[in-house]
C-alpha atoms as a PDB file:
ATOM      1  CA  MET A   1      13.006  19.362 -22.813  1.00  0.00           C
ATOM      2  CA  SER A   2      15.387  21.671 -24.492  1.00  0.00           C
ATOM      3  CA  THR A   3      14.320  25.267 -25.320  1.00  0.00           C
ATOM      4  CA  ARG A   4      15.535  27.604 -27.905  1.00  0.00           C
ATOM      5  CA  ARG A   5      17.484  29.556 -25.261  1.00  0.00           C
ATOM      6  CA  ASP A   6      19.193  26.351 -24.139  1.00  0.00           C
ATOM      7  CA  TRP A   7      20.126  25.521 -27.790  1.00  0.00           C
ATOM      8  CA  LEU A   8      21.460  28.998 -28.346  1.00  0.00           C
ATOM      9  CA  LEU A   9      23.574  28.940 -25.197  1.00  0.00           C
ATOM     10  CA  GLN A  10      24.967  25.530 -26.168  1.00  0.00           C
ATOM     11  CA  GLN A  11      25.848  26.849 -29.636  1.00  0.00           C
ATOM     12  CA  ILE A  12      28.075  29.777 -28.132  1.00  0.00           C
ATOM     13  CA  GLY A  13      29.742  27.311 -25.684  1.00  0.00           C
ATOM     14  CA  ILE A  14      27.918  28.237 -22.427  1.00  0.00           C
ATOM     15  CA  THR A  15      27.544  25.323 -20.192  1.00  0.00           C
ATOM     16  CA  GLN A  16      24.491  25.326 -17.886  1.00  0.00           C
ATOM     17  CA  TYR A  17      24.846  23.586 -14.552  1.00  0.00           C
ATOM     18  CA  GLN A  18      22.112  21.713 -12.722  1.00  0.00           C
ATOM     19  CA  LEU A  19      22.205  21.560  -8.961  1.00  0.00           C
ATOM     20  CA  ARG A  20      22.368  18.151  -7.461  1.00  0.00           C
ATOM     21  CA  ARG A  21      20.388  19.002  -4.451  1.00  0.00           C
ATOM     22  CA  PRO A  22      18.296  22.139  -5.322  1.00  0.00           C
ATOM     23  CA  ARG A  23      16.058  21.614  -2.315  1.00  0.00           C
ATOM     24  CA  VAL A  24      19.035  22.753  -0.060  1.00  0.00           C
ATOM     25  CA  LEU A  25      18.637  26.237  -1.696  1.00  0.00           C
ATOM     26  CA  GLN A  26      14.915  26.101  -1.022  1.00  0.00           C
ATOM     27  CA  GLY A  27      15.547  25.981   2.769  1.00  0.00           C
ATOM     28  CA  GLU A  28      15.785  22.265   3.351  1.00  0.00           C
ATOM     29  CA  ILE A  29      18.670  21.252   5.492  1.00  0.00           C
ATOM     30  CA  ALA A  30      20.959  18.363   4.812  1.00  0.00           C
ATOM     31  CA  VAL A  31      20.416  15.271   6.712  1.00  0.00           C
ATOM     32  CA  THR A  32      23.201  14.405   9.090  1.00  0.00           C
ATOM     33  CA  LEU A  33      23.967  10.829   9.862  1.00  0.00           C
ATOM     34  CA  LEU A  34      24.124  10.340  13.628  1.00  0.00           C
ATOM     35  CA  PRO A  35      27.353   8.912  15.047  1.00  0.00           C
ATOM     36  CA  GLY A  36      27.027   5.146  15.577  1.00  0.00           C
ATOM     37  CA  THR A  37      24.383   4.671  12.837  1.00  0.00           C
ATOM     38  CA  ARG A  38      24.787   1.369  11.207  1.00  0.00           C
ATOM     39  CA  LEU A  39      21.612   1.081   9.258  1.00  0.00           C
ATOM     40  CA  VAL A  40      19.538   3.629   7.319  1.00  0.00           C
ATOM     41  CA  MET A  41      16.031   2.452   6.779  1.00  0.00           C
ATOM     42  CA  VAL A  42      14.202   4.385   3.910  1.00  0.00           C
ATOM     43  CA  ALA A  43      10.464   4.062   3.435  1.00  0.00           C
ATOM     44  CA  GLU A  44       7.492   6.228   2.664  1.00  0.00           C
ATOM     45  CA  HIS A  45       5.877   5.028   5.906  1.00  0.00           C
ATOM     46  CA  ALA A  46       8.658   3.655   8.064  1.00  0.00           C
ATOM     47  CA  PRO A  47       7.569   0.892  10.619  1.00  0.00           C
ATOM     48  CA  THR A  48       8.376   1.324  14.174  1.00  0.00           C
ATOM     49  CA  LEU A  49      11.550  -0.370  15.319  1.00  0.00           C
ATOM     50  CA  GLN A  50       9.346  -2.519  17.817  1.00  0.00           C
ATOM     51  CA  GLU A  51       7.628  -4.429  14.955  1.00  0.00           C
ATOM     52  CA  PRO A  52       8.544  -8.084  15.389  1.00  0.00           C
ATOM     53  CA  LEU A  53       9.908  -8.463  11.924  1.00  0.00           C
ATOM     54  CA  ILE A  54      12.103  -5.305  12.378  1.00  0.00           C
ATOM     55  CA  ARG A  55      13.341  -6.585  15.821  1.00  0.00           C
ATOM     56  CA  ASP A  56      14.286  -9.946  14.187  1.00  0.00           C
ATOM     57  CA  VAL A  57      16.217  -8.313  11.326  1.00  0.00           C
ATOM     58  CA  LEU A  58      17.963  -5.994  13.871  1.00  0.00           C
ATOM     59  CA  HIS A  59      18.819  -9.032  16.046  1.00  0.00           C
ATOM     60  CA  VAL A  60      20.291 -11.019  13.227  1.00  0.00           C
ATOM     61  CA  LEU A  61      22.346  -8.067  12.109  1.00  0.00           C
ATOM     62  CA  ASN A  62      23.536  -7.358  15.595  1.00  0.00           C
ATOM     63  CA  ILE A  63      22.203  -3.759  15.470  1.00  0.00           C
ATOM     64  CA  GLN A  64      20.601  -1.930  18.311  1.00  0.00           C
ATOM     65  CA  PRO A  65      17.633   0.286  17.613  1.00  0.00           C
ATOM     66  CA  ALA A  66      19.657   3.385  18.507  1.00  0.00           C
ATOM     67  CA  GLN A  67      21.994   2.503  15.575  1.00  0.00           C
ATOM     68  CA  VAL A  68      19.121   2.793  13.102  1.00  0.00           C
ATOM     69  CA  MET A  69      18.092   5.906  11.369  1.00  0.00           C
ATOM     70  CA  THR A  70      14.731   6.074   9.440  1.00  0.00           C
ATOM     71  CA  LEU A  71      14.267   8.420   6.377  1.00  0.00           C
ATOM     72  CA  THR A  72      11.713   9.191   3.794  1.00  0.00           C
ATOM     73  CA  PRO A  73      12.608   8.919   0.118  1.00  0.00           C
ATOM     74  CA  GLU A  74      12.609  12.735  -0.014  1.00  0.00           C
ATOM     75  CA  GLN A  75      15.204  13.014   2.717  1.00  0.00           C
ATOM     76  CA  LEU A  76      17.563  10.387   1.124  1.00  0.00           C
ATOM     77  CA  PRO A  77      19.197  12.811  -1.349  1.00  0.00           C
ATOM     78  CA  MET A  78      19.952  15.067   1.598  1.00  0.00           C
ATOM     79  CA  LEU A  79      22.498  12.611   3.092  1.00  0.00           C
ATOM     80  CA  PRO A  80      26.235  13.138   2.415  1.00  0.00           C
ATOM     81  CA  GLU A  81      27.671  11.659  -0.708  1.00  0.00           C
ATOM     82  CA  GLN A  82      28.407   8.339   0.814  1.00  0.00           C
ATOM     83  CA  VAL A  83      27.784   7.016   4.234  1.00  0.00           C
ATOM     84  CA  ASP A  84      29.500   4.126   6.099  1.00  0.00           C
ATOM     85  CA  CYS A  85      26.472   2.000   6.989  1.00  0.00           C
ATOM     86  CA  ALA A  86      23.997  -0.311   5.338  1.00  0.00           C
ATOM     87  CA  GLY A  87      20.735   0.797   3.755  1.00  0.00           C
ATOM     88  CA  TRP A  88      17.382  -0.845   3.715  1.00  0.00           C
ATOM     89  CA  LEU A  89      15.070   0.514   1.028  1.00  0.00           C
ATOM     90  CA  MET A  90      11.450  -0.507   1.713  1.00  0.00           C
ATOM     91  CA  GLY A  91       9.479  -0.093  -1.445  1.00  0.00           C
ATOM     92  CA  VAL A  92      11.981   2.651  -2.570  1.00  0.00           C
ATOM     93  CA  LYS A  93      14.109   2.736  -5.760  1.00  0.00           C
ATOM     94  CA  SER A  94      17.526   4.336  -5.317  1.00  0.00           C
ATOM     95  CA  GLU A  95      21.145   4.165  -6.483  1.00  0.00           C
ATOM     96  CA  TYR A  96      22.435   5.758  -3.189  1.00  0.00           C
ATOM     97  CA  PRO A  97      25.759   4.194  -2.283  1.00  0.00           C
ATOM     98  CA  PHE A  98      25.212   2.623   1.037  1.00  0.00           C
ATOM     99  CA  ASN A  99      28.851   1.295   1.652  1.00  0.00           C
ATOM    100  CA  GLY A 100      28.025  -1.294  -0.936  1.00  0.00           C
ATOM    101  CA  ILE A 101      25.356  -2.901   1.022  1.00  0.00           C
ATOM    102  CA  THR A 102      21.577  -2.116   0.244  1.00  0.00           C
ATOM    103  CA  PHE A 103      18.619  -4.335   0.985  1.00  0.00           C
ATOM    104  CA  ASN A 104      15.781  -3.776  -1.357  1.00  0.00           C
ATOM    105  CA  THR A 105      12.306  -4.988  -0.194  1.00  0.00           C
ATOM    106  CA  ALA A 106       8.754  -4.397  -0.730  1.00  0.00           C
ATOM    107  CA  VAL A 107       6.880  -1.891   1.453  1.00  0.00           C
ATOM    108  CA  PHE A 108       6.549  -2.999   5.095  1.00  0.00           C
ATOM    109  CA  ASN A 109       2.842  -4.152   4.859  1.00  0.00           C
ATOM    110  CA  GLU A 110       3.630  -6.408   1.920  1.00  0.00           C
ATOM    111  CA  LEU A 111       6.860  -7.620   3.601  1.00  0.00           C
ATOM    112  CA  ILE A 112       5.070  -8.886   6.675  1.00  0.00           C
ATOM    113  CA  SER A 113       2.292 -10.579   4.699  1.00  0.00           C
ATOM    114  CA  SER A 114       4.430 -12.200   1.998  1.00  0.00           C
ATOM    115  CA  GLY A 115       6.553 -15.182   2.441  1.00  0.00           C
ATOM    116  CA  ALA A 116       8.308 -14.711  -0.706  1.00  0.00           C
ATOM    117  CA  ALA A 117       9.177 -11.094   0.182  1.00  0.00           C
ATOM    118  CA  LYS A 118      10.623 -12.305   3.576  1.00  0.00           C
ATOM    119  CA  ARG A 119      12.682 -15.028   1.851  1.00  0.00           C
ATOM    120  CA  ALA A 120      14.085 -12.373  -0.583  1.00  0.00           C
ATOM    121  CA  LEU A 121      15.141 -10.174   2.404  1.00  0.00           C
ATOM    122  CA  TRP A 122      16.811 -13.081   4.309  1.00  0.00           C
ATOM    123  CA  GLN A 123      18.532 -14.105   1.056  1.00  0.00           C
ATOM    124  CA  GLN A 124      20.016 -10.631   0.672  1.00  0.00           C
ATOM    125  CA  MET A 125      21.186 -10.656   4.208  1.00  0.00           C
ATOM    126  CA  CYS A 126      22.907 -13.959   3.727  1.00  0.00           C
ATOM    127  CA  ASN A 127      24.636 -12.719   0.622  1.00  0.00           C
ATOM    128  CA  HIS A 128      26.111  -9.802   2.654  1.00  0.00           C
ATOM    129  CA  ASP A 129      26.645 -11.491   5.931  1.00  0.00           C
ATOM    130  CA  SER A 130      30.519 -10.997   5.807  1.00  0.00           C
ATOM    131  CA  HIS A 131      30.129  -7.177   5.501  1.00  0.00           C
ATOM    132  CA  LEU A 132      27.297  -6.911   8.096  1.00  0.00           C
ATOM    133  CA  PHE A 133      28.904  -8.687  11.027  1.00  0.00           C
ATOM    134  CA  SER A 134      32.225  -7.080  10.806  1.00  0.00           C
ATOM    135  CA  HIS A 135      31.192  -4.085  12.820  1.00  0.00           C
ATOM    136  CA  PRO A 136      31.064  -4.371  16.673  1.00  0.00           C
END
């Protein structure tokens, strides 16, 4: 919402800037992607990497659990501008540029109980298989 002060500043040609990541100034530290990370999983409540469905997905993608980083939606904006790995957004909406490959699924509890949600995940994986299997 624009205030009178904002309007006056605009009239005299003063541009106000908004910080992209204001939480950094409030003491939060940027999230650093660990070397070798190939998948960033973003969820409000991330499942363990030992869950059968997660193990199956990692196996198909040829990704080891040590190559997965889990983040909350609040941590996602703290990542660098662009990362060279895939992203898996579980019940999270984001336009973050994960090397062009982003899987969007329901939250984990819905994913494991819904055949349609699982099919949608596998379809997304099939659509991007040429990108996913190119890494060692």
